[in-house]
Amino acid sequence: MRFIVIKKERFLKHSLMILTVLLALMLGGCDWGTDPYHGEFALVFDPTSAVISAVGESGEVDVYVANAEALITARVTVKFNPAALQVTGIETEGEGFLFTDAGAEVNVLENTYDNSSGKIVIALGGLKEGFKGASGDGKIATITVKGLKDGYSFLSFDDSASTNTFLASYSSESSGWEHASIFSDIGAVRVLGNVVIDPNSPE
């Protein structure tokens, strides 16, 4: 199998992204609408900026693939602030999910989260006789989070190692895979309220 790691963005580009996300949050959030990537294979959060209405309430953020071309498998490692957010669940199939909508069964290899370290790992692929990958736009996971305190938590894809985050496309070559050169973006969740919840306290 051959994979290409998501390229690291330069400091300036990340700074501009953060400013963009903060501006979107102040304006009440946003969604992708028209394609901002001009056809480039992209791994992003949807919405880019989510808002949870109060501490203790929950919200959802999708791991979204835009402009997929014959996507056959994916592994994503997401980092978040565990002092601000607590993950309560992850869904990977159903209507609106890229592999499901392509008529494939979702083969989940890993679906874990650690609320102590602020880390999520999702590894999955499409499984179907003769399946040659999913194309187009769609989510591959929906992450449900609970707000623990007022403020912001940035979401990011951990690409510090080649095994952390990658997408791979179907290929007719003997390997069955080919490199997917992709663009990744950051996201954020804003929690409203002035109460703080201890993540270690019982429900």
N, C-alpha and C. Protein backbone atom coordinates (compact mmCIF):
# COMPACT_ATOMS: atom_id res chain seq x y z
N MET A 1 0.84 -1.19 0.00
CA MET A 1 0.00 0.00 0.00
C MET A 1 0.87 1.24 0.00
N ARG A 2 0.46 2.26 -0.71
CA ARG A 2 1.21 3.49 -0.77
C ARG A 2 0.31 4.65 -0.40
N PHE A 3 0.79 5.50 0.46
CA PHE A 3 -0.01 6.62 0.90
C PHE A 3 0.82 7.88 0.83
N ILE A 4 0.15 9.00 0.74
CA ILE A 4 0.85 10.27 0.81
C ILE A 4 0.33 11.02 2.02
N VAL A 5 1.20 11.58 2.80
CA VAL A 5 0.80 12.29 4.00
C VAL A 5 0.30 13.67 3.64
N ILE A 6 -0.71 14.14 4.36
CA ILE A 6 -1.18 15.50 4.15
C ILE A 6 -0.03 16.47 4.40
N LYS A 7 0.19 17.37 3.49
CA LYS A 7 1.29 18.30 3.61
C LYS A 7 1.06 19.27 4.77
N LYS A 8 2.12 19.57 5.53
CA LYS A 8 2.03 20.52 6.61
C LYS A 8 1.90 21.93 6.04
N GLU A 9 1.03 22.71 6.64
CA GLU A 9 0.84 24.08 6.19
C GLU A 9 1.87 24.97 6.88
N ARG A 10 2.32 25.97 6.22
CA ARG A 10 3.27 26.91 6.80
C ARG A 10 2.59 27.74 7.90
N PHE A 11 3.41 28.26 8.80
CA PHE A 11 2.89 28.99 9.95
C PHE A 11 1.94 30.10 9.53
N LEU A 12 2.30 30.87 8.53
CA LEU A 12 1.47 31.98 8.10
C LEU A 12 0.12 31.51 7.63
N LYS A 13 0.11 30.42 6.87
CA LYS A 13 -1.16 29.90 6.35
C LYS A 13 -2.05 29.44 7.49
N HIS A 14 -1.46 28.76 8.48
CA HIS A 14 -2.24 28.33 9.64
C HIS A 14 -2.79 29.53 10.40
N SER A 15 -1.99 30.59 10.52
CA SER A 15 -2.44 31.78 11.23
C SER A 15 -3.64 32.39 10.53
N LEU A 16 -3.60 32.44 9.21
CA LEU A 16 -4.72 32.97 8.45
C LEU A 16 -5.95 32.10 8.61
N MET A 17 -5.74 30.77 8.64
CA MET A 17 -6.87 29.86 8.84
C MET A 17 -7.53 30.10 10.19
N ILE A 18 -6.69 30.25 11.25
CA ILE A 18 -7.23 30.47 12.58
C ILE A 18 -8.03 31.76 12.64
N LEU A 19 -7.50 32.82 12.02
CA LEU A 19 -8.22 34.08 11.99
C LEU A 19 -9.54 33.93 11.24
N THR A 20 -9.54 33.15 10.17
CA THR A 20 -10.76 32.92 9.40
C THR A 20 -11.80 32.20 10.23
N VAL A 21 -11.35 31.15 10.96
CA VAL A 21 -12.27 30.39 11.80
C VAL A 21 -12.85 31.26 12.90
N LEU A 22 -11.99 32.06 13.56
CA LEU A 22 -12.49 32.94 14.62
C LEU A 22 -13.50 33.94 14.08
N LEU A 23 -13.24 34.48 12.90
CA LEU A 23 -14.18 35.42 12.29
C LEU A 23 -15.50 34.74 11.99
N ALA A 24 -15.43 33.49 11.48
CA ALA A 24 -16.66 32.76 11.18
C ALA A 24 -17.45 32.49 12.45
N LEU A 25 -16.76 32.17 13.55
CA LEU A 25 -17.44 31.93 14.82
C LEU A 25 -18.14 33.20 15.30
N MET A 26 -17.47 34.35 15.19
CA MET A 26 -18.07 35.60 15.63
C MET A 26 -19.28 35.97 14.79
N LEU A 27 -19.27 35.49 13.54
CA LEU A 27 -20.40 35.78 12.65
C LEU A 27 -21.49 34.72 12.74
N GLY A 28 -21.29 33.74 13.65
CA GLY A 28 -22.35 32.76 13.88
C GLY A 28 -22.16 31.46 13.15
N GLY A 29 -20.94 31.16 12.67
CA GLY A 29 -20.68 29.89 12.03
C GLY A 29 -20.86 29.97 10.53
N CYS A 30 -20.42 28.91 9.86
CA CYS A 30 -20.54 28.87 8.40
C CYS A 30 -20.58 27.43 7.94
N ASP A 31 -20.91 27.21 6.68
CA ASP A 31 -20.81 25.89 6.09
C ASP A 31 -20.08 26.03 4.76
N TRP A 32 -19.87 24.88 4.09
CA TRP A 32 -19.00 24.92 2.93
C TRP A 32 -19.64 25.58 1.71
N GLY A 33 -20.95 25.37 1.52
CA GLY A 33 -21.60 25.99 0.37
C GLY A 33 -20.90 25.61 -0.92
N THR A 34 -20.44 26.61 -1.67
CA THR A 34 -19.70 26.33 -2.90
C THR A 34 -18.32 25.80 -2.55
N ASP A 35 -17.70 25.14 -3.50
CA ASP A 35 -16.41 24.48 -3.28
C ASP A 35 -15.28 25.50 -3.16
N PRO A 36 -14.67 25.62 -1.96
CA PRO A 36 -13.58 26.58 -1.81
C PRO A 36 -12.23 26.02 -2.23
N TYR A 37 -12.20 24.74 -2.65
CA TYR A 37 -10.93 24.07 -2.95
C TYR A 37 -10.69 23.88 -4.43
N HIS A 38 -11.64 24.37 -5.25
CA HIS A 38 -11.47 24.35 -6.70
C HIS A 38 -11.14 22.95 -7.21
N GLY A 39 -11.85 21.97 -6.69
CA GLY A 39 -11.70 20.60 -7.19
C GLY A 39 -10.62 19.79 -6.53
N GLU A 40 -9.87 20.36 -5.58
CA GLU A 40 -8.79 19.62 -4.93
C GLU A 40 -9.36 18.68 -3.87
N PHE A 41 -8.82 17.47 -3.79
CA PHE A 41 -9.18 16.47 -2.79
C PHE A 41 -8.92 17.08 -1.41
N ALA A 42 -9.94 17.20 -0.55
CA ALA A 42 -9.78 17.90 0.72
C ALA A 42 -10.38 17.13 1.88
N LEU A 43 -9.76 17.26 3.05
CA LEU A 43 -10.23 16.66 4.30
C LEU A 43 -10.45 17.81 5.27
N VAL A 44 -11.71 18.00 5.67
CA VAL A 44 -12.06 19.20 6.44
C VAL A 44 -13.08 18.86 7.53
N PHE A 45 -13.35 19.84 8.37
CA PHE A 45 -14.42 19.73 9.37
C PHE A 45 -15.63 20.50 8.88
N ASP A 46 -16.81 19.95 9.11
CA ASP A 46 -18.04 20.59 8.68
C ASP A 46 -19.07 20.53 9.82
N PRO A 47 -19.51 21.68 10.33
CA PRO A 47 -19.11 23.02 9.90
C PRO A 47 -17.68 23.35 10.32
N THR A 48 -17.09 24.29 9.63
CA THR A 48 -15.75 24.74 9.99
C THR A 48 -15.74 25.26 11.42
N SER A 49 -16.78 25.97 11.78
CA SER A 49 -16.91 26.55 13.11
C SER A 49 -18.28 26.21 13.68
N ALA A 50 -18.29 25.33 14.67
CA ALA A 50 -19.53 24.90 15.31
C ALA A 50 -19.74 25.69 16.59
N VAL A 51 -21.00 25.88 16.96
CA VAL A 51 -21.33 26.59 18.19
C VAL A 51 -22.23 25.71 19.05
N ILE A 52 -21.83 25.49 20.31
CA ILE A 52 -22.65 24.78 21.28
C ILE A 52 -23.30 25.84 22.17
N SER A 53 -24.62 25.78 22.30
CA SER A 53 -25.38 26.88 22.89
C SER A 53 -25.14 27.10 24.37
N ALA A 54 -24.67 26.07 25.09
CA ALA A 54 -24.46 26.24 26.53
C ALA A 54 -23.53 25.15 27.04
N VAL A 55 -22.84 25.44 28.13
CA VAL A 55 -22.01 24.43 28.79
C VAL A 55 -22.89 23.26 29.20
N GLY A 56 -22.44 22.06 28.93
CA GLY A 56 -23.22 20.87 29.24
C GLY A 56 -24.06 20.37 28.08
N GLU A 57 -24.25 21.22 27.07
CA GLU A 57 -24.99 20.82 25.88
C GLU A 57 -24.04 20.16 24.88
N SER A 58 -24.61 19.50 23.87
CA SER A 58 -23.82 18.77 22.89
C SER A 58 -24.00 19.33 21.49
N GLY A 59 -23.04 19.04 20.64
CA GLY A 59 -23.10 19.42 19.24
C GLY A 59 -22.38 18.40 18.40
N GLU A 60 -22.50 18.52 17.08
CA GLU A 60 -21.88 17.56 16.17
C GLU A 60 -20.97 18.27 15.17
N VAL A 61 -19.89 17.59 14.85
CA VAL A 61 -18.97 18.06 13.82
C VAL A 61 -18.66 16.87 12.91
N ASP A 62 -18.79 17.08 11.61
CA ASP A 62 -18.50 16.01 10.65
C ASP A 62 -17.05 16.07 10.18
N VAL A 63 -16.46 14.90 10.00
CA VAL A 63 -15.20 14.79 9.26
C VAL A 63 -15.61 14.60 7.80
N TYR A 64 -15.30 15.58 6.98
CA TYR A 64 -15.90 15.69 5.65
C TYR A 64 -14.81 15.61 4.57
N VAL A 65 -15.08 14.83 3.55
CA VAL A 65 -14.17 14.73 2.41
C VAL A 65 -14.82 15.44 1.23
N ALA A 66 -14.12 16.39 0.66
CA ALA A 66 -14.60 17.12 -0.51
C ALA A 66 -13.82 16.68 -1.74
N ASN A 67 -14.53 16.58 -2.85
CA ASN A 67 -13.92 16.27 -4.15
C ASN A 67 -13.18 14.92 -4.15
N ALA A 68 -13.75 13.93 -3.46
CA ALA A 68 -13.13 12.61 -3.42
C ALA A 68 -13.11 11.99 -4.81
N GLU A 69 -12.05 11.26 -5.09
CA GLU A 69 -11.94 10.51 -6.34
C GLU A 69 -11.59 9.07 -6.01
N ALA A 70 -12.58 8.20 -6.09
CA ALA A 70 -12.39 6.76 -5.86
C ALA A 70 -11.79 6.48 -4.48
N LEU A 71 -12.30 7.18 -3.47
CA LEU A 71 -11.81 6.95 -2.10
C LEU A 71 -12.14 5.53 -1.66
N ILE A 72 -11.13 4.81 -1.22
CA ILE A 72 -11.33 3.41 -0.85
C ILE A 72 -11.11 3.19 0.65
N THR A 73 -10.25 3.99 1.26
CA THR A 73 -9.99 3.86 2.69
C THR A 73 -9.48 5.18 3.26
N ALA A 74 -9.65 5.33 4.56
CA ALA A 74 -9.23 6.56 5.22
C ALA A 74 -8.86 6.28 6.66
N ARG A 75 -7.90 7.03 7.14
CA ARG A 75 -7.56 7.03 8.56
C ARG A 75 -7.33 8.47 8.97
N VAL A 76 -8.03 8.91 10.01
CA VAL A 76 -7.87 10.27 10.48
C VAL A 76 -7.61 10.27 11.98
N THR A 77 -6.67 11.10 12.38
CA THR A 77 -6.40 11.34 13.79
C THR A 77 -6.70 12.80 14.07
N VAL A 78 -7.65 13.03 14.96
CA VAL A 78 -8.11 14.39 15.26
C VAL A 78 -7.66 14.78 16.66
N LYS A 79 -7.15 16.00 16.78
CA LYS A 79 -6.76 16.53 18.08
C LYS A 79 -7.75 17.62 18.51
N PHE A 80 -8.09 17.64 19.81
CA PHE A 80 -8.99 18.65 20.35
C PHE A 80 -8.55 19.00 21.78
N ASN A 81 -9.15 20.04 22.34
CA ASN A 81 -8.82 20.48 23.70
C ASN A 81 -9.72 19.75 24.69
N PRO A 82 -9.19 18.81 25.47
CA PRO A 82 -10.04 18.03 26.38
C PRO A 82 -10.53 18.82 27.59
N ALA A 83 -9.95 20.00 27.81
CA ALA A 83 -10.44 20.84 28.89
C ALA A 83 -11.72 21.57 28.49
N ALA A 84 -11.94 21.70 27.19
CA ALA A 84 -13.11 22.43 26.70
C ALA A 84 -14.20 21.52 26.15
N LEU A 85 -13.79 20.37 25.60
CA LEU A 85 -14.74 19.47 24.95
C LEU A 85 -14.58 18.05 25.47
N GLN A 86 -15.68 17.31 25.42
CA GLN A 86 -15.67 15.89 25.74
C GLN A 86 -16.39 15.15 24.62
N VAL A 87 -15.71 14.20 24.00
CA VAL A 87 -16.34 13.39 22.95
C VAL A 87 -17.25 12.36 23.60
N THR A 88 -18.47 12.24 23.07
CA THR A 88 -19.43 11.28 23.62
C THR A 88 -19.82 10.19 22.63
N GLY A 89 -19.46 10.35 21.36
CA GLY A 89 -19.79 9.32 20.39
C GLY A 89 -19.30 9.66 18.99
N ILE A 90 -19.17 8.62 18.17
CA ILE A 90 -18.73 8.78 16.78
C ILE A 90 -19.56 7.86 15.90
N GLU A 91 -20.16 8.41 14.87
CA GLU A 91 -20.92 7.62 13.89
C GLU A 91 -20.14 7.58 12.58
N THR A 92 -20.23 6.45 11.86
CA THR A 92 -19.45 6.32 10.62
C THR A 92 -20.27 5.80 9.44
N GLU A 93 -21.56 5.60 9.61
CA GLU A 93 -22.34 5.12 8.47
C GLU A 93 -23.78 5.59 8.56
N GLY A 94 -24.45 5.55 7.41
CA GLY A 94 -25.82 6.00 7.32
C GLY A 94 -25.99 6.98 6.18
N GLU A 95 -27.19 7.51 6.03
CA GLU A 95 -27.47 8.45 4.95
C GLU A 95 -26.59 9.68 5.09
N GLY A 96 -26.00 10.10 4.00
CA GLY A 96 -25.13 11.25 4.00
C GLY A 96 -23.66 10.93 4.19
N PHE A 97 -23.37 9.67 4.55
CA PHE A 97 -21.98 9.25 4.68
C PHE A 97 -21.48 8.78 3.32
N LEU A 98 -20.25 9.13 3.01
CA LEU A 98 -19.72 8.94 1.66
C LEU A 98 -19.75 7.48 1.22
N PHE A 99 -19.27 6.58 2.06
CA PHE A 99 -19.23 5.17 1.67
C PHE A 99 -20.63 4.57 1.59
N THR A 100 -21.49 4.92 2.54
CA THR A 100 -22.87 4.41 2.52
C THR A 100 -23.59 4.85 1.26
N ASP A 101 -23.47 6.13 0.93
CA ASP A 101 -24.15 6.66 -0.25
C ASP A 101 -23.61 6.07 -1.55
N ALA A 102 -22.37 5.54 -1.50
CA ALA A 102 -21.79 4.88 -2.67
C ALA A 102 -22.21 3.41 -2.77
N GLY A 103 -23.05 2.97 -1.84
CA GLY A 103 -23.57 1.61 -1.87
C GLY A 103 -22.66 0.58 -1.24
N ALA A 104 -21.65 1.04 -0.49
CA ALA A 104 -20.70 0.11 0.13
C ALA A 104 -21.00 -0.06 1.62
N GLU A 105 -20.61 -1.20 2.13
CA GLU A 105 -20.63 -1.42 3.57
C GLU A 105 -19.43 -0.69 4.17
N VAL A 106 -19.60 -0.10 5.35
CA VAL A 106 -18.50 0.59 6.00
C VAL A 106 -17.75 -0.40 6.89
N ASN A 107 -16.50 -0.62 6.55
CA ASN A 107 -15.66 -1.52 7.32
C ASN A 107 -14.83 -0.68 8.30
N VAL A 108 -15.23 -0.68 9.57
CA VAL A 108 -14.56 0.15 10.58
C VAL A 108 -13.41 -0.64 11.19
N LEU A 109 -12.20 -0.14 11.02
CA LEU A 109 -11.01 -0.78 11.57
C LEU A 109 -10.64 -0.22 12.93
N GLU A 110 -10.94 1.05 13.14
CA GLU A 110 -10.68 1.68 14.43
C GLU A 110 -11.64 2.84 14.61
N ASN A 111 -12.15 2.98 15.83
CA ASN A 111 -13.08 4.05 16.16
C ASN A 111 -12.94 4.33 17.66
N THR A 112 -11.95 5.14 18.02
CA THR A 112 -11.63 5.34 19.43
C THR A 112 -11.45 6.83 19.73
N TYR A 113 -11.66 7.18 20.98
CA TYR A 113 -11.38 8.54 21.42
C TYR A 113 -10.90 8.52 22.87
N ASP A 114 -10.04 9.48 23.19
CA ASP A 114 -9.46 9.60 24.51
C ASP A 114 -9.70 11.02 25.01
N ASN A 115 -10.60 11.16 25.98
CA ASN A 115 -10.93 12.48 26.48
C ASN A 115 -9.90 13.01 27.47
N SER A 116 -8.91 12.22 27.80
CA SER A 116 -7.83 12.71 28.66
C SER A 116 -6.76 13.42 27.84
N SER A 117 -6.42 12.81 26.70
CA SER A 117 -5.36 13.38 25.86
C SER A 117 -5.90 14.27 24.74
N GLY A 118 -7.21 14.20 24.48
CA GLY A 118 -7.78 14.99 23.39
C GLY A 118 -7.46 14.43 22.03
N LYS A 119 -7.69 13.13 21.85
CA LYS A 119 -7.31 12.47 20.61
C LYS A 119 -8.42 11.53 20.14
N ILE A 120 -8.69 11.59 18.84
CA ILE A 120 -9.67 10.71 18.19
C ILE A 120 -8.97 9.99 17.05
N VAL A 121 -9.22 8.68 16.92
CA VAL A 121 -8.66 7.92 15.80
C VAL A 121 -9.80 7.18 15.11
N ILE A 122 -9.93 7.40 13.82
CA ILE A 122 -10.97 6.74 13.02
C ILE A 122 -10.30 6.15 11.79
N ALA A 123 -10.46 4.85 11.59
CA ALA A 123 -9.93 4.19 10.40
C ALA A 123 -11.03 3.34 9.80
N LEU A 124 -11.31 3.53 8.52
CA LEU A 124 -12.41 2.82 7.88
C LEU A 124 -12.22 2.75 6.38
N GLY A 125 -13.07 1.96 5.75
CA GLY A 125 -13.01 1.85 4.30
C GLY A 125 -14.34 1.33 3.76
N GLY A 126 -14.48 1.38 2.44
CA GLY A 126 -15.67 0.85 1.80
C GLY A 126 -15.48 -0.61 1.44
N LEU A 127 -16.51 -1.41 1.68
CA LEU A 127 -16.41 -2.85 1.44
C LEU A 127 -17.62 -3.31 0.61
N LYS A 128 -17.31 -3.78 -0.59
CA LYS A 128 -18.37 -4.24 -1.50
C LYS A 128 -17.70 -4.95 -2.65
N GLU A 129 -18.33 -6.02 -3.13
CA GLU A 129 -17.75 -6.76 -4.25
C GLU A 129 -17.62 -5.84 -5.46
N GLY A 130 -16.42 -5.77 -5.99
CA GLY A 130 -16.17 -4.92 -7.15
C GLY A 130 -16.12 -3.44 -6.85
N PHE A 131 -16.07 -3.08 -5.57
CA PHE A 131 -16.08 -1.67 -5.19
C PHE A 131 -14.80 -0.96 -5.66
N LYS A 132 -14.97 0.15 -6.36
CA LYS A 132 -13.83 0.90 -6.89
C LYS A 132 -13.76 2.31 -6.31
N GLY A 133 -14.24 2.43 -5.09
CA GLY A 133 -14.10 3.69 -4.39
C GLY A 133 -15.31 4.60 -4.51
N ALA A 134 -15.37 5.57 -3.60
CA ALA A 134 -16.45 6.55 -3.57
C ALA A 134 -15.92 7.89 -4.06
N SER A 135 -16.73 8.57 -4.86
CA SER A 135 -16.33 9.87 -5.40
C SER A 135 -17.36 10.93 -5.04
N GLY A 136 -16.91 12.17 -5.03
CA GLY A 136 -17.81 13.27 -4.71
C GLY A 136 -17.53 13.84 -3.33
N ASP A 137 -18.57 14.38 -2.71
CA ASP A 137 -18.45 15.00 -1.38
C ASP A 137 -19.28 14.22 -0.38
N GLY A 138 -18.80 14.13 0.84
CA GLY A 138 -19.58 13.49 1.88
C GLY A 138 -18.78 13.30 3.15
N LYS A 139 -19.49 13.04 4.23
CA LYS A 139 -18.81 12.84 5.50
C LYS A 139 -18.39 11.38 5.65
N ILE A 140 -17.32 11.17 6.40
CA ILE A 140 -16.90 9.81 6.72
C ILE A 140 -17.07 9.53 8.21
N ALA A 141 -17.34 10.57 8.99
CA ALA A 141 -17.61 10.38 10.42
C ALA A 141 -18.34 11.60 10.96
N THR A 142 -19.16 11.38 11.98
CA THR A 142 -19.79 12.46 12.72
C THR A 142 -19.38 12.32 14.18
N ILE A 143 -18.76 13.35 14.71
CA ILE A 143 -18.27 13.35 16.08
C ILE A 143 -19.23 14.17 16.95
N THR A 144 -19.72 13.57 18.03
CA THR A 144 -20.57 14.29 18.98
C THR A 144 -19.74 14.71 20.17
N VAL A 145 -19.80 16.00 20.50
CA VAL A 145 -19.01 16.53 21.61
C VAL A 145 -19.91 17.29 22.58
N LYS A 146 -19.51 17.29 23.84
CA LYS A 146 -20.20 18.06 24.88
C LYS A 146 -19.29 19.20 25.34
N GLY A 147 -19.87 20.38 25.50
CA GLY A 147 -19.10 21.52 25.96
C GLY A 147 -18.86 21.48 27.46
N LEU A 148 -17.61 21.66 27.86
CA LEU A 148 -17.26 21.60 29.28
C LEU A 148 -17.07 22.98 29.90
N LYS A 149 -16.70 23.96 29.09
CA LYS A 149 -16.53 25.31 29.61
C LYS A 149 -16.66 26.31 28.47
N ASP A 150 -16.95 27.54 28.84
CA ASP A 150 -17.08 28.61 27.87
C ASP A 150 -15.74 28.84 27.17
N GLY A 151 -15.79 29.01 25.85
CA GLY A 151 -14.57 29.29 25.10
C GLY A 151 -14.49 28.51 23.82
N TYR A 152 -13.28 28.46 23.26
CA TYR A 152 -13.05 27.84 21.97
C TYR A 152 -12.17 26.60 22.11
N SER A 153 -12.41 25.63 21.26
CA SER A 153 -11.50 24.50 21.11
C SER A 153 -11.24 24.31 19.62
N PHE A 154 -9.97 24.37 19.23
CA PHE A 154 -9.65 24.11 17.84
C PHE A 154 -9.59 22.61 17.58
N LEU A 155 -9.97 22.22 16.39
CA LEU A 155 -9.88 20.83 15.93
C LEU A 155 -8.83 20.79 14.82
N SER A 156 -8.01 19.76 14.82
CA SER A 156 -7.00 19.66 13.77
C SER A 156 -6.72 18.20 13.47
N PHE A 157 -6.27 17.95 12.24
CA PHE A 157 -5.86 16.61 11.84
C PHE A 157 -4.37 16.44 12.15
N ASP A 158 -4.05 15.39 12.87
CA ASP A 158 -2.66 15.13 13.23
C ASP A 158 -1.97 14.39 12.09
N ASP A 159 -1.08 15.09 11.39
CA ASP A 159 -0.35 14.49 10.28
C ASP A 159 1.14 14.42 10.59
N SER A 160 1.46 14.32 11.89
CA SER A 160 2.87 14.30 12.28
C SER A 160 3.58 13.01 11.90
N ALA A 161 2.82 11.97 11.58
CA ALA A 161 3.40 10.71 11.09
C ALA A 161 2.53 10.19 9.96
N SER A 162 3.13 9.44 9.06
CA SER A 162 2.42 8.98 7.86
C SER A 162 1.26 8.05 8.17
N THR A 163 1.27 7.44 9.35
CA THR A 163 0.19 6.52 9.72
C THR A 163 -0.94 7.21 10.46
N ASN A 164 -0.80 8.48 10.78
CA ASN A 164 -1.81 9.18 11.57
C ASN A 164 -3.04 9.56 10.76
N THR A 165 -2.81 10.23 9.63
CA THR A 165 -3.91 10.73 8.82
C THR A 165 -3.57 10.55 7.34
N PHE A 166 -4.41 9.82 6.63
CA PHE A 166 -4.21 9.67 5.19
C PHE A 166 -5.52 9.28 4.52
N LEU A 167 -5.61 9.52 3.23
CA LEU A 167 -6.69 9.04 2.38
C LEU A 167 -6.05 8.27 1.24
N ALA A 168 -6.68 7.21 0.79
CA ALA A 168 -6.14 6.43 -0.32
C ALA A 168 -7.25 6.13 -1.32
N SER A 169 -6.91 6.18 -2.59
CA SER A 169 -7.87 5.95 -3.66
C SER A 169 -7.64 4.61 -4.33
N TYR A 170 -8.71 4.09 -4.90
CA TYR A 170 -8.63 2.82 -5.64
C TYR A 170 -7.73 2.99 -6.87
N SER A 171 -7.00 1.93 -7.17
CA SER A 171 -6.18 1.91 -8.38
C SER A 171 -6.28 0.53 -9.02
N SER A 172 -6.25 0.51 -10.34
CA SER A 172 -6.27 -0.76 -11.07
C SER A 172 -4.90 -1.42 -11.10
N GLU A 173 -3.89 -0.73 -10.58
CA GLU A 173 -2.56 -1.31 -10.52
C GLU A 173 -2.54 -2.46 -9.52
N SER A 174 -1.47 -3.22 -9.51
CA SER A 174 -1.39 -4.41 -8.68
C SER A 174 -1.53 -4.13 -7.19
N SER A 175 -1.10 -2.94 -6.77
CA SER A 175 -1.20 -2.59 -5.35
C SER A 175 -2.64 -2.38 -4.91
N GLY A 176 -3.51 -1.99 -5.85
CA GLY A 176 -4.91 -1.71 -5.51
C GLY A 176 -5.13 -0.32 -4.93
N TRP A 177 -4.07 0.47 -4.75
CA TRP A 177 -4.16 1.78 -4.15
C TRP A 177 -3.32 2.78 -4.95
N GLU A 178 -3.59 4.03 -4.72
CA GLU A 178 -2.70 5.05 -5.26
C GLU A 178 -2.71 6.25 -4.33
N HIS A 179 -1.69 7.05 -4.42
CA HIS A 179 -1.56 8.21 -3.57
C HIS A 179 -2.75 9.16 -3.72
N ALA A 180 -3.15 9.75 -2.62
CA ALA A 180 -4.17 10.79 -2.66
C ALA A 180 -3.55 12.06 -2.13
N SER A 181 -3.25 12.99 -3.00
CA SER A 181 -2.69 14.26 -2.59
C SER A 181 -3.84 15.14 -2.12
N ILE A 182 -3.83 15.50 -0.85
CA ILE A 182 -5.00 16.17 -0.29
C ILE A 182 -4.63 17.43 0.47
N PHE A 183 -5.64 18.26 0.66
CA PHE A 183 -5.52 19.48 1.46
C PHE A 183 -6.32 19.26 2.74
N SER A 184 -5.76 19.66 3.89
CA SER A 184 -6.50 19.56 5.15
C SER A 184 -6.66 20.94 5.76
N ASP A 185 -7.70 21.10 6.56
CA ASP A 185 -8.00 22.38 7.18
C ASP A 185 -8.28 22.17 8.66
N ILE A 186 -8.29 23.26 9.42
CA ILE A 186 -8.63 23.17 10.83
C ILE A 186 -10.09 23.53 11.04
N GLY A 187 -10.60 23.26 12.23
CA GLY A 187 -11.95 23.64 12.60
C GLY A 187 -11.95 24.15 14.03
N ALA A 188 -13.11 24.53 14.52
CA ALA A 188 -13.22 25.02 15.89
C ALA A 188 -14.62 24.82 16.41
N VAL A 189 -14.71 24.70 17.73
CA VAL A 189 -16.01 24.63 18.40
C VAL A 189 -16.02 25.71 19.47
N ARG A 190 -17.07 26.51 19.48
CA ARG A 190 -17.24 27.53 20.50
C ARG A 190 -18.36 27.09 21.45
N VAL A 191 -18.05 27.15 22.74
CA VAL A 191 -19.04 26.80 23.77
C VAL A 191 -19.45 28.08 24.48
N LEU A 192 -20.77 28.30 24.59
CA LEU A 192 -21.29 29.49 25.24
C LEU A 192 -21.68 29.18 26.68
N GLY A 193 -21.46 30.13 27.58
CA GLY A 193 -21.86 29.95 28.98
C GLY A 193 -20.72 30.23 29.91
N ASN A 194 -21.02 30.33 31.20
CA ASN A 194 -19.99 30.66 32.18
C ASN A 194 -19.86 29.59 33.27
N VAL A 195 -20.35 28.40 33.00
CA VAL A 195 -20.23 27.28 33.94
C VAL A 195 -19.13 26.37 33.46
N VAL A 196 -18.40 25.76 34.35
CA VAL A 196 -17.37 24.80 34.01
C VAL A 196 -17.76 23.43 34.53
N ILE A 197 -17.68 22.40 33.67
CA ILE A 197 -18.01 21.04 34.07
C ILE A 197 -16.73 20.24 34.21
N ASP A 198 -16.60 19.51 35.32
CA ASP A 198 -15.47 18.64 35.53
C ASP A 198 -15.63 17.41 34.66
N PRO A 199 -14.74 17.16 33.68
CA PRO A 199 -14.90 16.00 32.79
C PRO A 199 -14.79 14.67 33.51
N ASN A 200 -14.26 14.67 34.72
CA ASN A 200 -14.11 13.41 35.48
C ASN A 200 -15.26 13.14 36.43
N SER A 201 -16.20 14.08 36.49
CA SER A 201 -17.34 13.89 37.39
C SER A 201 -18.35 12.94 36.77
N PRO A 202 -19.09 12.17 37.57
CA PRO A 202 -20.11 11.25 37.03
C PRO A 202 -21.25 12.03 36.42
N GLU A 203 -21.91 11.39 35.46
CA GLU A 203 -23.07 12.05 34.80
C GLU A 203 -24.19 12.25 35.81
